[in-house]
Amino acid sequence: MANPITFKPAPVDPKHELQRRVDAAPVEHAEALLVAWDVLQAAHDKGLLDALNGMIEAKDAITGKVAEYAKLPEGVAAIRNLIAAAKILTAIDPEVVDRLSRSVVEAKQAHEQEESAPGLWELMKRANSEDGRRGLSLMTLILTGVGRALKE
């Protein structure tokens, strides 16, 4: 009959493994550590670390004030409004928001180049263009929805 082979694994000390990883970190992650130190220094220079430290030390006072406000009717309404606003924002396609922001910048630049306020005829020509009608259509649909919501 065969004799079993005795195997006794070497004891593993997790502290030694952690120390080995810490010792190797500067070599393996040198660039990341330098960037992290730069970020830490910038946060210190701007006073963000002091503000964060103050917030941590005052966490009980801050959470107490937030809790006091949250149980007021205005606080409940604010939280509900934030949730509703988040639903609206998530429903909008980011590409549409990007195009809209570029259009607003272009419109602002065009507005700054106008030497005087446009006349009523010029405004009517803008409103009667295809893009103008498309924008007016959206705005009237939004206004109709607002009116419907106010009625209910």
N, C-alpha and C. Protein backbone atom coordinates (compact mmCIF):
# COMPACT_ATOMS: atom_id res chain seq x y z
N MET A 1 0.84 -1.16 0.00
CA MET A 1 0.00 0.00 0.00
C MET A 1 0.89 1.24 0.00
N ALA A 2 0.46 2.25 -0.72
CA ALA A 2 1.28 3.44 -0.88
C ALA A 2 1.15 4.33 0.34
N ASN A 3 2.23 4.98 0.63
CA ASN A 3 2.21 5.94 1.74
C ASN A 3 1.86 7.31 1.19
N PRO A 4 0.99 8.05 1.88
CA PRO A 4 0.65 9.39 1.41
C PRO A 4 1.85 10.32 1.51
N ILE A 5 1.93 11.21 0.57
CA ILE A 5 3.00 12.21 0.58
C ILE A 5 2.57 13.32 1.53
N THR A 6 3.41 13.62 2.43
CA THR A 6 3.07 14.70 3.37
C THR A 6 3.40 16.03 2.72
N PHE A 7 2.41 16.89 2.74
CA PHE A 7 2.59 18.23 2.16
C PHE A 7 2.14 19.24 3.20
N LYS A 8 3.04 20.09 3.52
CA LYS A 8 2.71 21.14 4.46
C LYS A 8 3.02 22.47 3.79
N PRO A 9 1.96 23.23 3.42
CA PRO A 9 2.22 24.51 2.74
C PRO A 9 2.91 25.49 3.68
N ALA A 10 3.72 26.33 3.07
CA ALA A 10 4.41 27.35 3.86
C ALA A 10 3.37 28.33 4.39
N PRO A 11 3.51 28.73 5.62
CA PRO A 11 2.54 29.69 6.17
C PRO A 11 2.65 31.03 5.42
N VAL A 12 1.49 31.59 5.13
CA VAL A 12 1.44 32.86 4.41
C VAL A 12 1.03 33.95 5.39
N ASP A 13 1.85 34.96 5.45
CA ASP A 13 1.53 36.09 6.31
C ASP A 13 1.02 37.22 5.42
N PRO A 14 -0.26 37.60 5.55
CA PRO A 14 -0.79 38.65 4.67
C PRO A 14 -0.06 39.98 4.82
N LYS A 15 0.50 40.23 5.99
CA LYS A 15 1.23 41.49 6.19
C LYS A 15 2.46 41.55 5.31
N HIS A 16 3.13 40.42 5.14
CA HIS A 16 4.33 40.39 4.28
C HIS A 16 3.95 40.64 2.82
N GLU A 17 2.83 40.06 2.39
CA GLU A 17 2.37 40.29 1.00
C GLU A 17 2.02 41.75 0.80
N LEU A 18 1.34 42.36 1.75
CA LEU A 18 1.00 43.78 1.64
C LEU A 18 2.27 44.63 1.64
N GLN A 19 3.22 44.29 2.48
CA GLN A 19 4.47 45.05 2.52
C GLN A 19 5.23 44.93 1.20
N ARG A 20 5.21 43.72 0.60
CA ARG A 20 5.86 43.53 -0.69
C ARG A 20 5.20 44.40 -1.76
N ARG A 21 3.86 44.45 -1.73
CA ARG A 21 3.15 45.27 -2.72
C ARG A 21 3.43 46.75 -2.52
N VAL A 22 3.50 47.19 -1.26
CA VAL A 22 3.79 48.60 -0.97
C VAL A 22 5.20 48.94 -1.42
N ASP A 23 6.14 48.04 -1.19
CA ASP A 23 7.52 48.28 -1.61
C ASP A 23 7.64 48.35 -3.13
N ALA A 24 6.84 47.55 -3.84
CA ALA A 24 6.91 47.52 -5.30
C ALA A 24 6.09 48.64 -5.94
N ALA A 25 5.19 49.25 -5.20
CA ALA A 25 4.29 50.26 -5.77
C ALA A 25 5.02 51.44 -6.41
N PRO A 26 6.04 52.02 -5.79
CA PRO A 26 6.70 53.16 -6.43
C PRO A 26 7.28 52.81 -7.80
N VAL A 27 7.72 51.59 -7.98
CA VAL A 27 8.30 51.20 -9.26
C VAL A 27 7.20 50.89 -10.26
N GLU A 28 6.20 50.12 -9.84
CA GLU A 28 5.13 49.68 -10.75
C GLU A 28 4.18 50.82 -11.12
N HIS A 29 3.96 51.73 -10.19
CA HIS A 29 2.95 52.77 -10.41
C HIS A 29 3.55 54.17 -10.28
N ALA A 30 4.77 54.34 -10.72
CA ALA A 30 5.47 55.62 -10.53
C ALA A 30 4.72 56.78 -11.17
N GLU A 31 4.29 56.63 -12.41
CA GLU A 31 3.62 57.74 -13.10
C GLU A 31 2.29 58.08 -12.42
N ALA A 32 1.53 57.06 -12.06
CA ALA A 32 0.25 57.30 -11.40
C ALA A 32 0.45 57.97 -10.04
N LEU A 33 1.48 57.55 -9.32
CA LEU A 33 1.75 58.17 -8.03
C LEU A 33 2.14 59.63 -8.18
N LEU A 34 2.93 59.93 -9.20
CA LEU A 34 3.31 61.34 -9.43
C LEU A 34 2.09 62.19 -9.76
N VAL A 35 1.20 61.67 -10.59
CA VAL A 35 -0.02 62.40 -10.93
C VAL A 35 -0.88 62.58 -9.68
N ALA A 36 -1.02 61.52 -8.88
CA ALA A 36 -1.81 61.61 -7.65
C ALA A 36 -1.22 62.65 -6.69
N TRP A 37 0.09 62.70 -6.59
CA TRP A 37 0.71 63.69 -5.72
C TRP A 37 0.49 65.10 -6.25
N ASP A 38 0.52 65.27 -7.58
CA ASP A 38 0.24 66.57 -8.18
C ASP A 38 -1.19 67.01 -7.88
N VAL A 39 -2.13 66.07 -7.99
CA VAL A 39 -3.53 66.39 -7.69
C VAL A 39 -3.68 66.74 -6.22
N LEU A 40 -3.03 65.98 -5.36
CA LEU A 40 -3.09 66.24 -3.93
C LEU A 40 -2.50 67.61 -3.60
N GLN A 41 -1.40 67.96 -4.24
CA GLN A 41 -0.78 69.27 -4.00
C GLN A 41 -1.67 70.39 -4.50
N ALA A 42 -2.27 70.21 -5.67
CA ALA A 42 -3.19 71.24 -6.20
C ALA A 42 -4.40 71.41 -5.28
N ALA A 43 -4.93 70.31 -4.76
CA ALA A 43 -6.06 70.39 -3.84
C ALA A 43 -5.64 71.11 -2.56
N HIS A 44 -4.44 70.88 -2.11
CA HIS A 44 -3.93 71.57 -0.92
C HIS A 44 -3.74 73.06 -1.20
N ASP A 45 -3.17 73.38 -2.35
CA ASP A 45 -2.92 74.79 -2.70
C ASP A 45 -4.23 75.58 -2.80
N LYS A 46 -5.28 74.95 -3.31
CA LYS A 46 -6.57 75.63 -3.48
C LYS A 46 -7.42 75.60 -2.22
N GLY A 47 -6.96 74.93 -1.17
CA GLY A 47 -7.70 74.88 0.08
C GLY A 47 -8.79 73.82 0.11
N LEU A 48 -8.82 72.95 -0.89
CA LEU A 48 -9.85 71.92 -0.93
C LEU A 48 -9.66 70.90 0.18
N LEU A 49 -8.43 70.59 0.50
CA LEU A 49 -8.19 69.62 1.57
C LEU A 49 -8.64 70.18 2.92
N ASP A 50 -8.41 71.48 3.14
CA ASP A 50 -8.89 72.09 4.39
C ASP A 50 -10.41 72.07 4.46
N ALA A 51 -11.06 72.37 3.32
CA ALA A 51 -12.52 72.34 3.29
C ALA A 51 -13.05 70.93 3.52
N LEU A 52 -12.42 69.96 2.89
CA LEU A 52 -12.82 68.57 3.07
C LEU A 52 -12.61 68.13 4.51
N ASN A 53 -11.50 68.52 5.10
CA ASN A 53 -11.24 68.20 6.50
C ASN A 53 -12.30 68.83 7.40
N GLY A 54 -12.64 70.06 7.13
CA GLY A 54 -13.69 70.73 7.91
C GLY A 54 -15.03 70.03 7.77
N MET A 55 -15.35 69.59 6.55
CA MET A 55 -16.61 68.88 6.34
C MET A 55 -16.62 67.55 7.09
N ILE A 56 -15.50 66.87 7.12
CA ILE A 56 -15.42 65.59 7.83
C ILE A 56 -15.57 65.81 9.34
N GLU A 57 -14.91 66.85 9.84
CA GLU A 57 -15.00 67.13 11.27
C GLU A 57 -16.40 67.59 11.66
N ALA A 58 -17.10 68.27 10.76
CA ALA A 58 -18.43 68.80 11.06
C ALA A 58 -19.54 67.92 10.50
N LYS A 59 -19.25 66.66 10.23
CA LYS A 59 -20.23 65.79 9.58
C LYS A 59 -21.51 65.66 10.39
N ASP A 60 -21.41 65.60 11.70
CA ASP A 60 -22.61 65.48 12.53
C ASP A 60 -23.48 66.73 12.41
N ALA A 61 -22.86 67.89 12.44
CA ALA A 61 -23.62 69.14 12.33
C ALA A 61 -24.23 69.27 10.94
N ILE A 62 -23.47 68.90 9.90
CA ILE A 62 -23.97 69.00 8.53
C ILE A 62 -25.13 68.05 8.32
N THR A 63 -24.97 66.79 8.72
CA THR A 63 -26.06 65.83 8.52
C THR A 63 -27.28 66.20 9.36
N GLY A 64 -27.06 66.79 10.52
CA GLY A 64 -28.19 67.24 11.34
C GLY A 64 -28.97 68.34 10.65
N LYS A 65 -28.27 69.31 10.08
CA LYS A 65 -28.94 70.40 9.36
C LYS A 65 -29.66 69.88 8.12
N VAL A 66 -29.01 68.97 7.38
CA VAL A 66 -29.65 68.40 6.19
C VAL A 66 -30.91 67.64 6.59
N ALA A 67 -30.82 66.87 7.67
CA ALA A 67 -31.99 66.11 8.13
C ALA A 67 -33.10 67.04 8.57
N GLU A 68 -32.76 68.12 9.27
CA GLU A 68 -33.78 69.09 9.69
C GLU A 68 -34.48 69.69 8.48
N TYR A 69 -33.72 70.06 7.47
CA TYR A 69 -34.31 70.66 6.28
C TYR A 69 -35.11 69.64 5.49
N ALA A 70 -34.62 68.40 5.43
CA ALA A 70 -35.28 67.38 4.61
C ALA A 70 -36.65 67.02 5.16
N LYS A 71 -36.88 67.18 6.46
CA LYS A 71 -38.19 66.81 6.99
C LYS A 71 -39.20 67.95 6.89
N LEU A 72 -38.77 69.14 6.50
CA LEU A 72 -39.70 70.25 6.27
C LEU A 72 -40.44 70.03 4.95
N PRO A 73 -41.63 70.58 4.81
CA PRO A 73 -42.34 70.43 3.53
C PRO A 73 -41.56 70.99 2.34
N GLU A 74 -40.81 72.08 2.56
CA GLU A 74 -40.01 72.65 1.48
C GLU A 74 -38.88 71.69 1.08
N GLY A 75 -38.31 71.02 2.06
CA GLY A 75 -37.24 70.06 1.77
C GLY A 75 -37.75 68.87 0.99
N VAL A 76 -38.92 68.37 1.39
CA VAL A 76 -39.52 67.25 0.66
C VAL A 76 -39.82 67.67 -0.78
N ALA A 77 -40.36 68.88 -0.94
CA ALA A 77 -40.66 69.37 -2.29
C ALA A 77 -39.38 69.54 -3.11
N ALA A 78 -38.31 70.01 -2.47
CA ALA A 78 -37.05 70.19 -3.19
C ALA A 78 -36.50 68.84 -3.65
N ILE A 79 -36.57 67.83 -2.79
CA ILE A 79 -36.08 66.50 -3.17
C ILE A 79 -36.91 65.93 -4.30
N ARG A 80 -38.23 66.08 -4.22
CA ARG A 80 -39.10 65.59 -5.29
C ARG A 80 -38.83 66.32 -6.60
N ASN A 81 -38.58 67.64 -6.51
CA ASN A 81 -38.28 68.41 -7.73
C ASN A 81 -36.95 67.99 -8.33
N LEU A 82 -35.96 67.69 -7.49
CA LEU A 82 -34.67 67.22 -8.00
C LEU A 82 -34.83 65.89 -8.73
N ILE A 83 -35.64 65.00 -8.18
CA ILE A 83 -35.87 63.71 -8.83
C ILE A 83 -36.59 63.92 -10.16
N ALA A 84 -37.58 64.80 -10.18
CA ALA A 84 -38.30 65.07 -11.42
C ALA A 84 -37.37 65.71 -12.46
N ALA A 85 -36.52 66.63 -12.02
CA ALA A 85 -35.57 67.26 -12.94
C ALA A 85 -34.59 66.24 -13.49
N ALA A 86 -34.16 65.31 -12.65
CA ALA A 86 -33.25 64.26 -13.12
C ALA A 86 -33.94 63.39 -14.17
N LYS A 87 -35.22 63.10 -13.98
CA LYS A 87 -35.96 62.32 -14.98
C LYS A 87 -36.02 63.07 -16.32
N ILE A 88 -36.25 64.37 -16.24
CA ILE A 88 -36.30 65.18 -17.47
C ILE A 88 -34.95 65.16 -18.16
N LEU A 89 -33.88 65.37 -17.40
CA LEU A 89 -32.54 65.41 -18.00
C LEU A 89 -32.14 64.08 -18.61
N THR A 90 -32.53 62.97 -17.97
CA THR A 90 -32.16 61.68 -18.53
C THR A 90 -32.97 61.33 -19.77
N ALA A 91 -34.10 62.00 -19.96
CA ALA A 91 -34.93 61.74 -21.13
C ALA A 91 -34.40 62.45 -22.38
N ILE A 92 -33.51 63.42 -22.20
CA ILE A 92 -33.01 64.21 -23.32
C ILE A 92 -31.76 63.54 -23.87
N ASP A 93 -31.72 63.41 -25.18
CA ASP A 93 -30.56 62.82 -25.86
C ASP A 93 -29.36 63.76 -25.73
N PRO A 94 -28.21 63.28 -25.27
CA PRO A 94 -27.04 64.15 -25.11
C PRO A 94 -26.59 64.80 -26.41
N GLU A 95 -26.79 64.12 -27.54
CA GLU A 95 -26.42 64.72 -28.83
C GLU A 95 -27.28 65.96 -29.10
N VAL A 96 -28.55 65.90 -28.75
CA VAL A 96 -29.45 67.04 -28.95
C VAL A 96 -29.00 68.20 -28.07
N VAL A 97 -28.63 67.91 -26.83
CA VAL A 97 -28.16 68.96 -25.92
C VAL A 97 -26.87 69.57 -26.45
N ASP A 98 -25.99 68.75 -27.00
CA ASP A 98 -24.73 69.25 -27.56
C ASP A 98 -25.02 70.19 -28.75
N ARG A 99 -25.89 69.76 -29.65
CA ARG A 99 -26.23 70.62 -30.79
C ARG A 99 -26.92 71.90 -30.33
N LEU A 100 -27.78 71.78 -29.32
CA LEU A 100 -28.48 72.95 -28.80
C LEU A 100 -27.49 73.93 -28.18
N SER A 101 -26.50 73.42 -27.44
CA SER A 101 -25.53 74.32 -26.82
C SER A 101 -24.70 75.05 -27.89
N ARG A 102 -24.33 74.32 -28.96
CA ARG A 102 -23.59 74.98 -30.04
C ARG A 102 -24.45 76.04 -30.72
N SER A 103 -25.74 75.75 -30.89
CA SER A 103 -26.65 76.71 -31.52
C SER A 103 -26.81 77.96 -30.66
N VAL A 104 -26.86 77.77 -29.35
CA VAL A 104 -27.00 78.92 -28.45
C VAL A 104 -25.75 79.80 -28.53
N VAL A 105 -24.58 79.18 -28.60
CA VAL A 105 -23.34 79.95 -28.72
C VAL A 105 -23.32 80.73 -30.04
N GLU A 106 -23.71 80.06 -31.13
CA GLU A 106 -23.76 80.74 -32.43
C GLU A 106 -24.76 81.88 -32.41
N ALA A 107 -25.94 81.66 -31.80
CA ALA A 107 -26.96 82.71 -31.74
C ALA A 107 -26.47 83.89 -30.90
N LYS A 108 -25.75 83.60 -29.82
CA LYS A 108 -25.22 84.67 -28.99
C LYS A 108 -24.20 85.49 -29.76
N GLN A 109 -23.34 84.83 -30.53
CA GLN A 109 -22.36 85.55 -31.33
C GLN A 109 -23.04 86.40 -32.39
N ALA A 110 -24.08 85.85 -33.03
CA ALA A 110 -24.81 86.62 -34.04
C ALA A 110 -25.51 87.82 -33.39
N HIS A 111 -26.05 87.61 -32.20
CA HIS A 111 -26.73 88.69 -31.49
C HIS A 111 -25.76 89.81 -31.12
N GLU A 112 -24.54 89.44 -30.73
CA GLU A 112 -23.54 90.45 -30.36
C GLU A 112 -23.09 91.26 -31.57
N GLN A 113 -23.18 90.68 -32.77
CA GLN A 113 -22.76 91.38 -33.97
C GLN A 113 -23.84 92.33 -34.49
N GLU A 114 -25.08 92.17 -34.03
CA GLU A 114 -26.14 93.08 -34.45
C GLU A 114 -25.89 94.46 -33.85
N GLU A 115 -25.96 95.47 -34.70
CA GLU A 115 -25.71 96.82 -34.22
C GLU A 115 -26.93 97.42 -33.57
N SER A 116 -28.11 97.03 -34.03
CA SER A 116 -29.35 97.52 -33.43
C SER A 116 -30.34 96.36 -33.35
N ALA A 117 -31.37 96.58 -32.58
CA ALA A 117 -32.38 95.53 -32.42
C ALA A 117 -33.08 95.30 -33.76
N PRO A 118 -33.34 94.03 -34.10
CA PRO A 118 -34.01 93.75 -35.38
C PRO A 118 -35.44 94.27 -35.36
N GLY A 119 -35.90 94.66 -36.54
CA GLY A 119 -37.27 95.14 -36.66
C GLY A 119 -38.27 93.99 -36.63
N LEU A 120 -39.52 94.36 -36.57
CA LEU A 120 -40.58 93.36 -36.52
C LEU A 120 -40.58 92.49 -37.77
N TRP A 121 -40.31 93.09 -38.93
CA TRP A 121 -40.27 92.32 -40.18
C TRP A 121 -39.15 91.28 -40.15
N GLU A 122 -37.96 91.66 -39.66
CA GLU A 122 -36.84 90.72 -39.56
C GLU A 122 -37.17 89.59 -38.60
N LEU A 123 -37.82 89.91 -37.48
CA LEU A 123 -38.22 88.87 -36.53
C LEU A 123 -39.23 87.91 -37.17
N MET A 124 -40.16 88.45 -37.96
CA MET A 124 -41.15 87.59 -38.62
C MET A 124 -40.47 86.70 -39.66
N LYS A 125 -39.47 87.22 -40.38
CA LYS A 125 -38.75 86.39 -41.35
C LYS A 125 -38.02 85.24 -40.65
N ARG A 126 -37.39 85.54 -39.49
CA ARG A 126 -36.72 84.49 -38.74
C ARG A 126 -37.72 83.44 -38.26
N ALA A 127 -38.85 83.90 -37.74
CA ALA A 127 -39.86 82.97 -37.21
C ALA A 127 -40.48 82.14 -38.32
N ASN A 128 -40.51 82.68 -39.55
CA ASN A 128 -41.15 81.97 -40.66
C ASN A 128 -40.19 81.01 -41.37
N SER A 129 -38.92 81.02 -41.01
CA SER A 129 -37.99 80.07 -41.62
C SER A 129 -38.32 78.66 -41.11
N GLU A 130 -37.83 77.64 -41.82
CA GLU A 130 -38.13 76.26 -41.41
C GLU A 130 -37.60 75.97 -40.01
N ASP A 131 -36.36 76.39 -39.75
CA ASP A 131 -35.80 76.17 -38.41
C ASP A 131 -36.55 76.98 -37.36
N GLY A 132 -36.93 78.19 -37.70
CA GLY A 132 -37.70 79.02 -36.77
C GLY A 132 -39.04 78.38 -36.43
N ARG A 133 -39.72 77.85 -37.45
CA ARG A 133 -41.01 77.19 -37.21
C ARG A 133 -40.82 75.93 -36.37
N ARG A 134 -39.72 75.21 -36.61
CA ARG A 134 -39.45 74.00 -35.82
C ARG A 134 -39.23 74.36 -34.35
N GLY A 135 -38.48 75.43 -34.10
CA GLY A 135 -38.25 75.88 -32.72
C GLY A 135 -39.51 76.39 -32.06
N LEU A 136 -40.29 77.15 -32.84
CA LEU A 136 -41.56 77.65 -32.30
C LEU A 136 -42.51 76.50 -32.00
N SER A 137 -42.49 75.46 -32.84
CA SER A 137 -43.34 74.30 -32.60
C SER A 137 -42.98 73.64 -31.28
N LEU A 138 -41.68 73.45 -31.04
CA LEU A 138 -41.26 72.85 -29.78
C LEU A 138 -41.68 73.73 -28.60
N MET A 139 -41.46 75.02 -28.71
CA MET A 139 -41.80 75.92 -27.61
C MET A 139 -43.30 75.94 -27.35
N THR A 140 -44.12 75.92 -28.40
CA THR A 140 -45.57 75.91 -28.17
C THR A 140 -46.02 74.59 -27.57
N LEU A 141 -45.39 73.48 -27.98
CA LEU A 141 -45.72 72.19 -27.36
C LEU A 141 -45.35 72.18 -25.88
N ILE A 142 -44.19 72.75 -25.55
CA ILE A 142 -43.79 72.83 -24.15
C ILE A 142 -44.75 73.72 -23.37
N LEU A 143 -45.11 74.87 -23.94
CA LEU A 143 -46.04 75.78 -23.27
C LEU A 143 -47.41 75.14 -23.09
N THR A 144 -47.85 74.36 -24.08
CA THR A 144 -49.13 73.66 -23.95
C THR A 144 -49.06 72.64 -22.81
N GLY A 145 -47.95 71.93 -22.73
CA GLY A 145 -47.77 70.98 -21.64
C GLY A 145 -47.72 71.65 -20.28
N VAL A 146 -47.07 72.81 -20.20
CA VAL A 146 -47.02 73.56 -18.95
C VAL A 146 -48.43 74.00 -18.56
N GLY A 147 -49.17 74.50 -19.53
CA GLY A 147 -50.55 74.92 -19.24
C GLY A 147 -51.41 73.76 -18.77
N ARG A 148 -51.24 72.61 -19.41
CA ARG A 148 -52.00 71.42 -19.02
C ARG A 148 -51.63 70.99 -17.61
N ALA A 149 -50.33 71.05 -17.28
CA ALA A 149 -49.88 70.67 -15.94
C ALA A 149 -50.40 71.64 -14.88
N LEU A 150 -50.49 72.91 -15.23
CA LEU A 150 -50.99 73.90 -14.28
C LEU A 150 -52.49 73.74 -14.03
N LYS A 151 -53.20 73.24 -15.03
CA LYS A 151 -54.65 73.08 -14.93
C LYS A 151 -55.00 71.92 -14.02
N GLU A 152 -54.19 70.86 -14.02
CA GLU A 152 -54.50 69.63 -13.27
C GLU A 152 -54.31 69.78 -11.80
